[in-house]
N, C-alpha and C. Protein backbone atom coordinates (compact mmCIF):
# COMPACT_ATOMS: atom_id res chain seq x y z
N UNK A 1 121.68 39.22 47.16
CA UNK A 1 122.54 38.90 48.26
C UNK A 1 122.39 37.42 48.57
N UNK A 2 123.40 36.87 49.13
CA UNK A 2 123.40 35.44 49.43
C UNK A 2 123.87 35.21 50.86
N UNK A 3 123.25 34.23 51.50
CA UNK A 3 123.65 33.83 52.84
C UNK A 3 123.87 32.32 52.82
N UNK A 4 125.07 31.89 53.15
CA UNK A 4 125.37 30.46 53.19
C UNK A 4 124.74 29.84 54.43
N UNK A 5 124.22 28.62 54.27
CA UNK A 5 123.67 27.88 55.41
C UNK A 5 124.24 26.47 55.39
N UNK A 6 124.26 25.84 56.54
CA UNK A 6 124.74 24.46 56.63
C UNK A 6 123.69 23.52 56.05
N UNK A 7 124.15 22.37 55.58
CA UNK A 7 123.24 21.39 54.98
C UNK A 7 122.19 20.94 55.98
N UNK A 8 122.57 20.68 57.23
CA UNK A 8 121.59 20.19 58.20
C UNK A 8 120.47 21.19 58.44
N UNK A 9 120.77 22.47 58.39
CA UNK A 9 119.75 23.51 58.54
C UNK A 9 118.83 23.51 57.32
N UNK A 10 119.42 23.44 56.13
CA UNK A 10 118.63 23.40 54.90
C UNK A 10 117.74 22.17 54.86
N UNK A 11 118.28 21.02 55.27
CA UNK A 11 117.51 19.77 55.25
C UNK A 11 116.35 19.82 56.24
N UNK A 12 116.56 20.46 57.37
CA UNK A 12 115.50 20.56 58.37
C UNK A 12 114.39 21.50 57.91
N UNK A 13 114.77 22.61 57.29
CA UNK A 13 113.79 23.62 56.89
C UNK A 13 113.13 23.34 55.54
N UNK A 14 113.87 22.72 54.62
CA UNK A 14 113.37 22.58 53.24
C UNK A 14 113.65 21.18 52.66
N UNK A 15 113.16 20.11 53.30
CA UNK A 15 113.47 18.76 52.79
C UNK A 15 112.92 18.51 51.38
N UNK A 16 111.73 19.03 51.07
CA UNK A 16 111.16 18.81 49.74
C UNK A 16 111.98 19.51 48.67
N UNK A 17 112.43 20.72 48.96
CA UNK A 17 113.22 21.48 47.99
C UNK A 17 114.55 20.77 47.73
N UNK A 18 115.17 20.25 48.77
CA UNK A 18 116.44 19.53 48.59
C UNK A 18 116.24 18.29 47.74
N UNK A 19 115.15 17.57 47.98
CA UNK A 19 114.86 16.38 47.19
C UNK A 19 114.69 16.73 45.71
N UNK A 20 113.97 17.82 45.43
CA UNK A 20 113.77 18.24 44.04
C UNK A 20 115.09 18.68 43.40
N UNK A 21 115.87 19.43 44.14
CA UNK A 21 117.16 19.90 43.62
C UNK A 21 118.07 18.73 43.30
N UNK A 22 118.15 17.78 44.21
CA UNK A 22 119.04 16.63 44.01
C UNK A 22 118.55 15.77 42.84
N UNK A 23 117.23 15.60 42.69
CA UNK A 23 116.70 14.82 41.56
C UNK A 23 117.04 15.50 40.24
N UNK A 24 116.90 16.82 40.19
CA UNK A 24 117.23 17.57 38.98
C UNK A 24 118.73 17.50 38.69
N UNK A 25 119.55 17.58 39.73
CA UNK A 25 121.00 17.49 39.56
C UNK A 25 121.40 16.13 39.00
N UNK A 26 120.80 15.08 39.50
CA UNK A 26 121.12 13.72 39.03
C UNK A 26 120.78 13.52 37.56
N UNK A 27 119.73 14.17 37.08
CA UNK A 27 119.30 14.02 35.68
C UNK A 27 120.15 14.85 34.73
N UNK A 28 120.84 15.86 35.24
CA UNK A 28 121.59 16.77 34.38
C UNK A 28 122.96 16.26 33.98
N UNK A 29 123.74 17.14 33.39
CA UNK A 29 125.07 16.80 32.91
C UNK A 29 126.17 17.47 33.72
N UNK A 30 125.81 17.96 34.90
CA UNK A 30 126.78 18.65 35.75
C UNK A 30 127.87 17.70 36.22
N UNK A 31 129.06 18.24 36.44
CA UNK A 31 130.13 17.42 36.98
C UNK A 31 129.85 17.04 38.44
N UNK A 32 128.87 17.69 39.06
CA UNK A 32 128.52 17.42 40.45
C UNK A 32 127.31 16.50 40.59
N UNK A 33 126.86 15.88 39.50
CA UNK A 33 125.64 15.08 39.58
C UNK A 33 125.75 13.86 40.48
N UNK A 34 126.95 13.40 40.76
CA UNK A 34 127.13 12.25 41.66
C UNK A 34 127.46 12.68 43.09
N UNK A 35 127.48 13.98 43.35
CA UNK A 35 127.85 14.50 44.68
C UNK A 35 126.76 14.19 45.71
N UNK A 36 127.17 14.06 46.94
CA UNK A 36 126.23 13.90 48.05
C UNK A 36 125.69 15.28 48.40
N UNK A 37 124.45 15.31 48.85
CA UNK A 37 123.83 16.59 49.21
C UNK A 37 124.62 17.29 50.31
N UNK A 38 125.21 16.54 51.21
CA UNK A 38 125.98 17.13 52.32
C UNK A 38 127.25 17.82 51.83
N UNK A 39 127.76 17.44 50.68
CA UNK A 39 129.00 18.00 50.16
C UNK A 39 128.80 19.27 49.32
N UNK A 40 127.55 19.58 49.00
CA UNK A 40 127.26 20.75 48.18
C UNK A 40 127.17 22.01 49.03
N UNK A 41 127.28 23.15 48.38
CA UNK A 41 127.18 24.46 49.04
C UNK A 41 125.72 24.89 49.01
N UNK A 42 125.13 25.16 50.18
CA UNK A 42 123.73 25.56 50.28
C UNK A 42 123.66 27.01 50.73
N UNK A 43 122.75 27.76 50.12
CA UNK A 43 122.62 29.18 50.47
C UNK A 43 121.23 29.69 50.14
N UNK A 44 120.87 30.79 50.81
CA UNK A 44 119.67 31.54 50.48
C UNK A 44 120.11 32.67 49.56
N UNK A 45 119.32 32.95 48.55
CA UNK A 45 119.57 34.07 47.66
C UNK A 45 118.36 34.99 47.74
N UNK A 46 118.59 36.27 47.99
CA UNK A 46 117.47 37.19 48.15
C UNK A 46 117.85 38.59 47.68
N UNK A 47 116.82 39.40 47.54
CA UNK A 47 117.04 40.81 47.20
C UNK A 47 115.94 41.64 47.84
N UNK A 48 116.15 42.92 47.87
CA UNK A 48 115.17 43.85 48.41
C UNK A 48 114.71 44.75 47.27
N UNK A 49 113.41 44.82 47.08
CA UNK A 49 112.86 45.65 46.03
C UNK A 49 112.45 46.99 46.62
N UNK A 50 112.88 48.05 45.98
CA UNK A 50 112.55 49.40 46.44
C UNK A 50 111.65 50.03 45.39
N UNK A 51 110.48 50.47 45.85
CA UNK A 51 109.54 51.12 44.95
C UNK A 51 109.45 52.59 45.31
N UNK A 52 109.15 53.40 44.33
CA UNK A 52 108.98 54.82 44.59
C UNK A 52 107.76 55.32 43.85
N UNK A 53 107.23 56.44 44.31
CA UNK A 53 106.08 57.04 43.66
C UNK A 53 106.52 58.28 42.89
N UNK A 54 105.54 58.99 42.42
CA UNK A 54 105.85 60.22 41.69
C UNK A 54 106.15 61.35 42.68
N UNK A 55 106.71 62.41 42.18
CA UNK A 55 106.98 63.57 43.02
C UNK A 55 105.68 64.14 43.59
N UNK A 56 104.62 64.13 42.79
CA UNK A 56 103.32 64.63 43.26
C UNK A 56 102.80 63.79 44.43
N UNK A 57 102.99 62.47 44.36
CA UNK A 57 102.57 61.59 45.45
C UNK A 57 103.37 61.87 46.71
N UNK A 58 104.66 62.12 46.56
CA UNK A 58 105.50 62.42 47.71
C UNK A 58 105.11 63.75 48.35
N UNK A 59 104.82 64.75 47.53
CA UNK A 59 104.42 66.05 48.06
C UNK A 59 103.07 65.95 48.76
N UNK A 60 102.14 65.18 48.18
CA UNK A 60 100.81 65.01 48.76
C UNK A 60 100.82 64.04 49.94
N UNK A 61 101.98 63.46 50.22
CA UNK A 61 102.15 62.47 51.29
C UNK A 61 101.18 61.31 51.13
N UNK A 62 100.98 60.91 49.89
CA UNK A 62 100.13 59.77 49.57
C UNK A 62 100.87 58.49 49.99
N UNK A 63 100.23 57.64 50.80
CA UNK A 63 100.93 56.43 51.25
C UNK A 63 101.19 55.45 50.10
N UNK A 64 102.33 54.83 50.14
CA UNK A 64 102.69 53.84 49.13
C UNK A 64 102.19 52.47 49.58
N UNK A 65 101.61 51.68 48.68
CA UNK A 65 101.15 50.34 49.07
C UNK A 65 102.34 49.44 49.39
N UNK A 66 102.19 48.63 50.42
CA UNK A 66 103.22 47.67 50.78
C UNK A 66 102.94 46.36 50.06
N UNK A 67 103.97 45.73 49.61
CA UNK A 67 103.79 44.44 48.94
C UNK A 67 104.94 43.53 49.35
N UNK A 68 104.65 42.26 49.31
CA UNK A 68 105.66 41.26 49.63
C UNK A 68 105.70 40.28 48.46
N UNK A 69 106.90 40.06 47.94
CA UNK A 69 107.05 39.14 46.83
C UNK A 69 108.15 38.15 47.16
N UNK A 70 107.87 36.88 46.94
CA UNK A 70 108.90 35.87 47.12
C UNK A 70 108.94 35.01 45.86
N UNK A 71 110.09 34.53 45.56
CA UNK A 71 110.26 33.69 44.39
C UNK A 71 111.30 32.64 44.67
N UNK A 72 111.04 31.44 44.20
CA UNK A 72 112.03 30.37 44.34
C UNK A 72 112.75 30.12 43.03
N UNK A 73 112.40 30.88 42.01
CA UNK A 73 113.03 30.70 40.70
C UNK A 73 114.26 31.56 40.61
N UNK A 74 115.20 31.12 39.77
CA UNK A 74 116.39 31.89 39.49
C UNK A 74 116.43 32.25 38.06
């Protein structure tokens, strides 16, 4: 899922990430490599992972471990 955010919000929350993204964009061959950061589309991309146990675990009401995973890679 994706949520669009304004550039000023992204710049306030993630200035280092924007600097890295813009540096990588400038080095590449994209048609947008000369674009200003303010003119680009900024968004969060995320997903929800659903884990399940075995039927035996569900019947025994064995608790499932909670985990949190985050990734900045695409």
